[in-house]
Amino acid sequence: MTYNEFLTDVMNLVQECPKCWRTGQSIFNVVDSKYHVARDCQFLYGIDCFYDDNQIESFLRKSFELINDEQNN
């Protein structure tokens, strides 16, 4: 999977999240639910877009990196 494919997948799933959720909250929950790496980003790397929308890009890039690391091991 490329980064663009990952991003497209996440953003498509974000459209199904409750409208009252912030963008970062939606992205965090989608990545946590589908890819199971959100907590690693949050607790191991200190990148938390759930509470801070300014961290969305960093969160997505680190999530993609972690997913690829898991697939290669």
PDB file of N, CA and C in Angstrom:
ATOM      1  N   MET A   1       0.838  -1.171   0.000  1.00  0.00           N
ATOM      2  CA  MET A   1       0.000   0.000   0.000  1.00  0.00           C
ATOM      3  C   MET A   1       0.891   1.245   0.000  1.00  0.00           C
ATOM      4  N   THR A   2       0.538   2.189  -0.821  1.00  0.00           N
ATOM      5  CA  THR A   2       1.268   3.452  -0.853  1.00  0.00           C
ATOM      6  C   THR A   2       0.673   4.400   0.192  1.00  0.00           C
ATOM      7  N   TYR A   3       1.395   5.480   0.484  1.00  0.00           N
ATOM      8  CA  TYR A   3       0.891   6.468   1.422  1.00  0.00           C
ATOM      9  C   TYR A   3      -0.423   7.075   0.914  1.00  0.00           C
ATOM     10  N   ASN A   4      -0.499   7.349  -0.378  1.00  0.00           N
ATOM     11  CA  ASN A   4      -1.719   7.934  -0.948  1.00  0.00           C
ATOM     12  C   ASN A   4      -2.906   6.983  -0.841  1.00  0.00           C
ATOM     13  N   GLU A   5      -2.667   5.689  -1.026  1.00  0.00           N
ATOM     14  CA  GLU A   5      -3.741   4.707  -0.861  1.00  0.00           C
ATOM     15  C   GLU A   5      -4.214   4.661   0.593  1.00  0.00           C
ATOM     16  N   PHE A   6      -3.255   4.694   1.518  1.00  0.00           N
ATOM     17  CA  PHE A   6      -3.581   4.718   2.945  1.00  0.00           C
ATOM     18  C   PHE A   6      -4.398   5.959   3.273  1.00  0.00           C
ATOM     19  N   LEU A   7      -3.934   7.106   2.819  1.00  0.00           N
ATOM     20  CA  LEU A   7      -4.611   8.376   3.087  1.00  0.00           C
ATOM     21  C   LEU A   7      -6.030   8.370   2.524  1.00  0.00           C
ATOM     22  N   THR A   8      -6.194   7.878   1.321  1.00  0.00           N
ATOM     23  CA  THR A   8      -7.527   7.798   0.698  1.00  0.00           C
ATOM     24  C   THR A   8      -8.446   6.891   1.505  1.00  0.00           C
ATOM     25  N   ASP A   9      -7.926   5.750   1.934  1.00  0.00           N
ATOM     26  CA  ASP A   9      -8.713   4.818   2.731  1.00  0.00           C
ATOM     27  C   ASP A   9      -9.166   5.471   4.037  1.00  0.00           C
ATOM     28  N   VAL A  10      -8.237   6.083   4.740  1.00  0.00           N
ATOM     29  CA  VAL A  10      -8.564   6.729   6.015  1.00  0.00           C
ATOM     30  C   VAL A  10      -9.596   7.833   5.807  1.00  0.00           C
ATOM     31  N   MET A  11      -9.380   8.684   4.838  1.00  0.00           N
ATOM     32  CA  MET A  11     -10.283   9.819   4.635  1.00  0.00           C
ATOM     33  C   MET A  11     -11.678   9.365   4.184  1.00  0.00           C
ATOM     34  N   ASN A  12     -11.758   8.271   3.434  1.00  0.00           N
ATOM     35  CA  ASN A  12     -13.067   7.733   3.061  1.00  0.00           C
ATOM     36  C   ASN A  12     -13.808   7.230   4.299  1.00  0.00           C
ATOM     37  N   LEU A  13     -13.092   6.566   5.200  1.00  0.00           N
ATOM     38  CA  LEU A  13     -13.711   6.061   6.420  1.00  0.00           C
ATOM     39  C   LEU A  13     -14.074   7.182   7.385  1.00  0.00           C
ATOM     40  N   VAL A  14     -13.319   8.260   7.361  1.00  0.00           N
ATOM     41  CA  VAL A  14     -13.626   9.417   8.213  1.00  0.00           C
ATOM     42  C   VAL A  14     -15.007   9.973   7.870  1.00  0.00           C
ATOM     43  N   GLN A  15     -15.410   9.859   6.623  1.00  0.00           N
ATOM     44  CA  GLN A  15     -16.721  10.365   6.205  1.00  0.00           C
ATOM     45  C   GLN A  15     -17.872   9.665   6.927  1.00  0.00           C
ATOM     46  N   GLU A  16     -17.608   8.454   7.450  1.00  0.00           N
ATOM     47  CA  GLU A  16     -18.636   7.683   8.154  1.00  0.00           C
ATOM     48  C   GLU A  16     -18.689   8.006   9.648  1.00  0.00           C
ATOM     49  N   CYS A  17     -17.752   8.772  10.146  1.00  0.00           N
ATOM     50  CA  CYS A  17     -17.700   9.108  11.569  1.00  0.00           C
ATOM     51  C   CYS A  17     -18.765  10.145  11.903  1.00  0.00           C
ATOM     52  N   PRO A  18     -19.158  10.195  13.169  1.00  0.00           N
ATOM     53  CA  PRO A  18     -20.136  11.217  13.578  1.00  0.00           C
ATOM     54  C   PRO A  18     -19.652  12.625  13.238  1.00  0.00           C
ATOM     55  N   LYS A  19     -20.542  13.440  12.761  1.00  0.00           N
ATOM     56  CA  LYS A  19     -20.191  14.808  12.335  1.00  0.00           C
ATOM     57  C   LYS A  19     -19.753  15.690  13.505  1.00  0.00           C
ATOM     58  N   CYS A  20     -20.127  15.315  14.723  1.00  0.00           N
ATOM     59  CA  CYS A  20     -19.751  16.117  15.890  1.00  0.00           C
ATOM     60  C   CYS A  20     -18.292  15.898  16.303  1.00  0.00           C
ATOM     61  N   TRP A  21     -17.631  14.880  15.719  1.00  0.00           N
ATOM     62  CA  TRP A  21     -16.214  14.635  16.014  1.00  0.00           C
ATOM     63  C   TRP A  21     -15.355  15.597  15.206  1.00  0.00           C
ATOM     64  N   ARG A  22     -14.264  16.080  15.823  1.00  0.00           N
ATOM     65  CA  ARG A  22     -13.268  16.867  15.096  1.00  0.00           C
ATOM     66  C   ARG A  22     -12.555  15.954  14.091  1.00  0.00           C
ATOM     67  N   THR A  23     -11.898  16.552  13.128  1.00  0.00           N
ATOM     68  CA  THR A  23     -11.184  15.777  12.109  1.00  0.00           C
ATOM     69  C   THR A  23     -10.125  14.879  12.739  1.00  0.00           C
ATOM     70  N   GLY A  24      -9.327  15.424  13.645  1.00  0.00           N
ATOM     71  CA  GLY A  24      -8.276  14.625  14.281  1.00  0.00           C
ATOM     72  C   GLY A  24      -8.831  13.474  15.088  1.00  0.00           C
ATOM     73  N   GLN A  25      -9.925  13.708  15.758  1.00  0.00           N
ATOM     74  CA  GLN A  25     -10.581  12.663  16.532  1.00  0.00           C
ATOM     75  C   GLN A  25     -11.071  11.547  15.602  1.00  0.00           C
ATOM     76  N   SER A  26     -11.652  11.913  14.495  1.00  0.00           N
ATOM     77  CA  SER A  26     -12.141  10.928  13.521  1.00  0.00           C
ATOM     78  C   SER A  26     -10.986  10.122  12.937  1.00  0.00           C
ATOM     79  N   ILE A  27      -9.931  10.805  12.536  1.00  0.00           N
ATOM     80  CA  ILE A  27      -8.768  10.125  11.959  1.00  0.00           C
ATOM     81  C   ILE A  27      -8.165   9.166  12.976  1.00  0.00           C
ATOM     82  N   PHE A  28      -7.987   9.616  14.207  1.00  0.00           N
ATOM     83  CA  PHE A  28      -7.427   8.759  15.253  1.00  0.00           C
ATOM     84  C   PHE A  28      -8.272   7.498  15.410  1.00  0.00           C
ATOM     85  N   ASN A  29      -9.585   7.652  15.505  1.00  0.00           N
ATOM     86  CA  ASN A  29     -10.457   6.500  15.711  1.00  0.00           C
ATOM     87  C   ASN A  29     -10.472   5.549  14.525  1.00  0.00           C
ATOM     88  N   VAL A  30     -10.426   6.071  13.310  1.00  0.00           N
ATOM     89  CA  VAL A  30     -10.374   5.222  12.115  1.00  0.00           C
ATOM     90  C   VAL A  30      -9.076   4.420  12.097  1.00  0.00           C
ATOM     91  N   VAL A  31      -7.948   5.088  12.330  1.00  0.00           N
ATOM     92  CA  VAL A  31      -6.647   4.399  12.310  1.00  0.00           C
ATOM     93  C   VAL A  31      -6.577   3.370  13.437  1.00  0.00           C
ATOM     94  N   ASP A  32      -7.113   3.721  14.601  1.00  0.00           N
ATOM     95  CA  ASP A  32      -7.114   2.782  15.722  1.00  0.00           C
ATOM     96  C   ASP A  32      -7.959   1.557  15.398  1.00  0.00           C
ATOM     97  N   SER A  33      -9.133   1.765  14.847  1.00  0.00           N
ATOM     98  CA  SER A  33     -10.061   0.680  14.565  1.00  0.00           C
ATOM     99  C   SER A  33      -9.589  -0.240  13.437  1.00  0.00           C
ATOM    100  N   LYS A  34      -9.089   0.345  12.365  1.00  0.00           N
ATOM    101  CA  LYS A  34      -8.739  -0.471  11.190  1.00  0.00           C
ATOM    102  C   LYS A  34      -7.292  -0.963  11.202  1.00  0.00           C
ATOM    103  N   TYR A  35      -6.377  -0.123  11.642  1.00  0.00           N
ATOM    104  CA  TYR A  35      -4.953  -0.453  11.510  1.00  0.00           C
ATOM    105  C   TYR A  35      -4.258  -0.755  12.843  1.00  0.00           C
ATOM    106  N   HIS A  36      -4.879  -0.403  13.948  1.00  0.00           N
ATOM    107  CA  HIS A  36      -4.382  -0.737  15.293  1.00  0.00           C
ATOM    108  C   HIS A  36      -3.002  -0.174  15.619  1.00  0.00           C
ATOM    109  N   VAL A  37      -2.682   0.987  15.101  1.00  0.00           N
ATOM    110  CA  VAL A  37      -1.389   1.614  15.409  1.00  0.00           C
ATOM    111  C   VAL A  37      -1.538   2.989  16.067  1.00  0.00           C
ATOM    112  N   ALA A  38      -2.766   3.437  16.264  1.00  0.00           N
ATOM    113  CA  ALA A  38      -2.990   4.788  16.804  1.00  0.00           C
ATOM    114  C   ALA A  38      -2.412   4.946  18.205  1.00  0.00           C
ATOM    115  N   ARG A  39      -2.571   3.939  19.043  1.00  0.00           N
ATOM    116  CA  ARG A  39      -2.071   4.036  20.416  1.00  0.00           C
ATOM    117  C   ARG A  39      -0.545   4.068  20.448  1.00  0.00           C
ATOM    118  N   ASP A  40       0.101   3.366  19.542  1.00  0.00           N
ATOM    119  CA  ASP A  40       1.565   3.443  19.459  1.00  0.00           C
ATOM    120  C   ASP A  40       1.999   4.854  19.089  1.00  0.00           C
ATOM    121  N   CYS A  41       1.312   5.443  18.107  1.00  0.00           N
ATOM    122  CA  CYS A  41       1.627   6.836  17.743  1.00  0.00           C
ATOM    123  C   CYS A  41       1.450   7.750  18.946  1.00  0.00           C
ATOM    124  N   GLN A  42       0.366   7.546  19.657  1.00  0.00           N
ATOM    125  CA  GLN A  42       0.019   8.404  20.783  1.00  0.00           C
ATOM    126  C   GLN A  42       0.985   8.225  21.956  1.00  0.00           C
ATOM    127  N   PHE A  43       1.192   6.988  22.395  1.00  0.00           N
ATOM    128  CA  PHE A  43       1.935   6.749  23.626  1.00  0.00           C
ATOM    129  C   PHE A  43       3.437   6.542  23.426  1.00  0.00           C
ATOM    130  N   LEU A  44       3.830   5.914  22.335  1.00  0.00           N
ATOM    131  CA  LEU A  44       5.265   5.663  22.108  1.00  0.00           C
ATOM    132  C   LEU A  44       5.967   6.835  21.439  1.00  0.00           C
ATOM    133  N   TYR A  45       5.241   7.575  20.591  1.00  0.00           N
ATOM    134  CA  TYR A  45       5.871   8.642  19.811  1.00  0.00           C
ATOM    135  C   TYR A  45       5.344  10.036  20.159  1.00  0.00           C
ATOM    136  N   GLY A  46       4.351  10.122  21.013  1.00  0.00           N
ATOM    137  CA  GLY A  46       3.831  11.416  21.437  1.00  0.00           C
ATOM    138  C   GLY A  46       3.108  12.190  20.351  1.00  0.00           C
ATOM    139  N   ILE A  47       2.598  11.488  19.361  1.00  0.00           N
ATOM    140  CA  ILE A  47       1.878  12.138  18.265  1.00  0.00           C
ATOM    141  C   ILE A  47       0.399  11.813  18.445  1.00  0.00           C
ATOM    142  N   ASP A  48      -0.388  12.821  18.812  1.00  0.00           N
ATOM    143  CA  ASP A  48      -1.774  12.576  19.201  1.00  0.00           C
ATOM    144  C   ASP A  48      -2.708  13.571  18.532  1.00  0.00           C
ATOM    145  N   CYS A  49      -3.293  13.164  17.420  1.00  0.00           N
ATOM    146  CA  CYS A  49      -4.228  14.051  16.721  1.00  0.00           C
ATOM    147  C   CYS A  49      -5.635  13.968  17.299  1.00  0.00           C
ATOM    148  N   PHE A  50      -5.874  13.037  18.220  1.00  0.00           N
ATOM    149  CA  PHE A  50      -7.188  12.951  18.848  1.00  0.00           C
ATOM    150  C   PHE A  50      -7.526  14.264  19.546  1.00  0.00           C
ATOM    151  N   TYR A  51      -6.550  14.813  20.245  1.00  0.00           N
ATOM    152  CA  TYR A  51      -6.745  16.056  20.994  1.00  0.00           C
ATOM    153  C   TYR A  51      -6.196  17.290  20.291  1.00  0.00           C
ATOM    154  N   ASP A  52      -5.370  17.087  19.269  1.00  0.00           N
ATOM    155  CA  ASP A  52      -4.695  18.218  18.629  1.00  0.00           C
ATOM    156  C   ASP A  52      -4.711  18.053  17.113  1.00  0.00           C
ATOM    157  N   ASP A  53      -5.628  18.739  16.439  1.00  0.00           N
ATOM    158  CA  ASP A  53      -5.732  18.642  14.979  1.00  0.00           C
ATOM    159  C   ASP A  53      -4.456  19.081  14.264  1.00  0.00           C
ATOM    160  N   ASN A  54      -3.609  19.856  14.927  1.00  0.00           N
ATOM    161  CA  ASN A  54      -2.346  20.273  14.308  1.00  0.00           C
ATOM    162  C   ASN A  54      -1.386  19.108  14.106  1.00  0.00           C
ATOM    163  N   GLN A  55      -1.647  17.990  14.717  1.00  0.00           N
ATOM    164  CA  GLN A  55      -0.769  16.826  14.593  1.00  0.00           C
ATOM    165  C   GLN A  55      -1.264  15.791  13.588  1.00  0.00           C
ATOM    166  N   ILE A  56      -2.296  16.119  12.846  1.00  0.00           N
ATOM    167  CA  ILE A  56      -2.891  15.156  11.906  1.00  0.00           C
ATOM    168  C   ILE A  56      -1.863  14.639  10.904  1.00  0.00           C
ATOM    169  N   GLU A  57      -1.147  15.516  10.235  1.00  0.00           N
ATOM    170  CA  GLU A  57      -0.184  15.076   9.210  1.00  0.00           C
ATOM    171  C   GLU A  57       0.904  14.188   9.812  1.00  0.00           C
ATOM    172  N   SER A  58       1.461  14.594  10.939  1.00  0.00           N
ATOM    173  CA  SER A  58       2.493  13.788  11.600  1.00  0.00           C
ATOM    174  C   SER A  58       1.932  12.441  12.027  1.00  0.00           C
ATOM    175  N   PHE A  59       0.708  12.449  12.536  1.00  0.00           N
ATOM    176  CA  PHE A  59       0.051  11.218  12.971  1.00  0.00           C
ATOM    177  C   PHE A  59      -0.149  10.262  11.794  1.00  0.00           C
ATOM    178  N   LEU A  60      -0.623  10.779  10.681  1.00  0.00           N
ATOM    179  CA  LEU A  60      -0.851   9.934   9.504  1.00  0.00           C
ATOM    180  C   LEU A  60       0.460   9.368   8.959  1.00  0.00           C
ATOM    181  N   ARG A  61       1.485  10.184   8.901  1.00  0.00           N
ATOM    182  CA  ARG A  61       2.778   9.702   8.384  1.00  0.00           C
ATOM    183  C   ARG A  61       3.373   8.632   9.301  1.00  0.00           C
ATOM    184  N   LYS A  62       3.327   8.848  10.622  1.00  0.00           N
ATOM    185  CA  LYS A  62       3.869   7.861  11.561  1.00  0.00           C
ATOM    186  C   LYS A  62       3.032   6.584  11.535  1.00  0.00           C
ATOM    187  N   SER A  63       1.723   6.720  11.424  1.00  0.00           N
ATOM    188  CA  SER A  63       0.857   5.541  11.335  1.00  0.00           C
ATOM    189  C   SER A  63       1.209   4.710  10.110  1.00  0.00           C
ATOM    190  N   PHE A  64       1.365   5.374   8.984  1.00  0.00           N
ATOM    191  CA  PHE A  64       1.734   4.666   7.755  1.00  0.00           C
ATOM    192  C   PHE A  64       3.079   3.965   7.917  1.00  0.00           C
ATOM    193  N   GLU A  65       4.030   4.636   8.525  1.00  0.00           N
ATOM    194  CA  GLU A  65       5.347   4.048   8.777  1.00  0.00           C
ATOM    195  C   GLU A  65       5.216   2.796   9.661  1.00  0.00           C
ATOM    196  N   LEU A  66       4.428   2.878  10.701  1.00  0.00           N
ATOM    197  CA  LEU A  66       4.256   1.740  11.609  1.00  0.00           C
ATOM    198  C   LEU A  66       3.541   0.570  10.926  1.00  0.00           C
ATOM    199  N   ILE A  67       2.563   0.874  10.098  1.00  0.00           N
ATOM    200  CA  ILE A  67       1.864  -0.184   9.361  1.00  0.00           C
ATOM    201  C   ILE A  67       2.832  -0.907   8.442  1.00  0.00           C
ATOM    202  N   ASN A  68       3.657  -0.158   7.730  1.00  0.00           N
ATOM    203  CA  ASN A  68       4.633  -0.771   6.828  1.00  0.00           C
ATOM    204  C   ASN A  68       5.669  -1.574   7.603  1.00  0.00           C
ATOM    205  N   ASP A  69       6.085  -1.076   8.769  1.00  0.00           N
ATOM    206  CA  ASP A  69       7.037  -1.820   9.606  1.00  0.00           C
ATOM    207  C   ASP A  69       6.455  -3.151  10.027  1.00  0.00           C
ATOM    208  N   GLU A  70       5.186  -3.170  10.412  1.00  0.00           N
ATOM    209  CA  GLU A  70       4.513  -4.406  10.826  1.00  0.00           C
ATOM    210  C   GLU A  70       4.399  -5.384   9.657  1.00  0.00           C
ATOM    211  N   GLN A  71       4.107  -4.874   8.471  1.00  0.00           N
ATOM    212  CA  GLN A  71       3.952  -5.740   7.300  1.00  0.00           C
ATOM    213  C   GLN A  71       5.288  -6.336   6.861  1.00  0.00           C
ATOM    214  N   ASN A  72       6.359  -5.637   7.149  1.00  0.00           N
ATOM    215  CA  ASN A  72       7.683  -6.125   6.738  1.00  0.00           C
ATOM    216  C   ASN A  72       8.324  -7.050   7.748  1.00  0.00           C
ATOM    217  N   ASN A  73       7.709  -7.207   8.906  1.00  0.00           N
ATOM    218  CA  ASN A  73       8.276  -8.108   9.941  1.00  0.00           C
ATOM    219  C   ASN A  73       7.565  -9.426   9.970  1.00  0.00           C
TER     220      ASN A  73
END
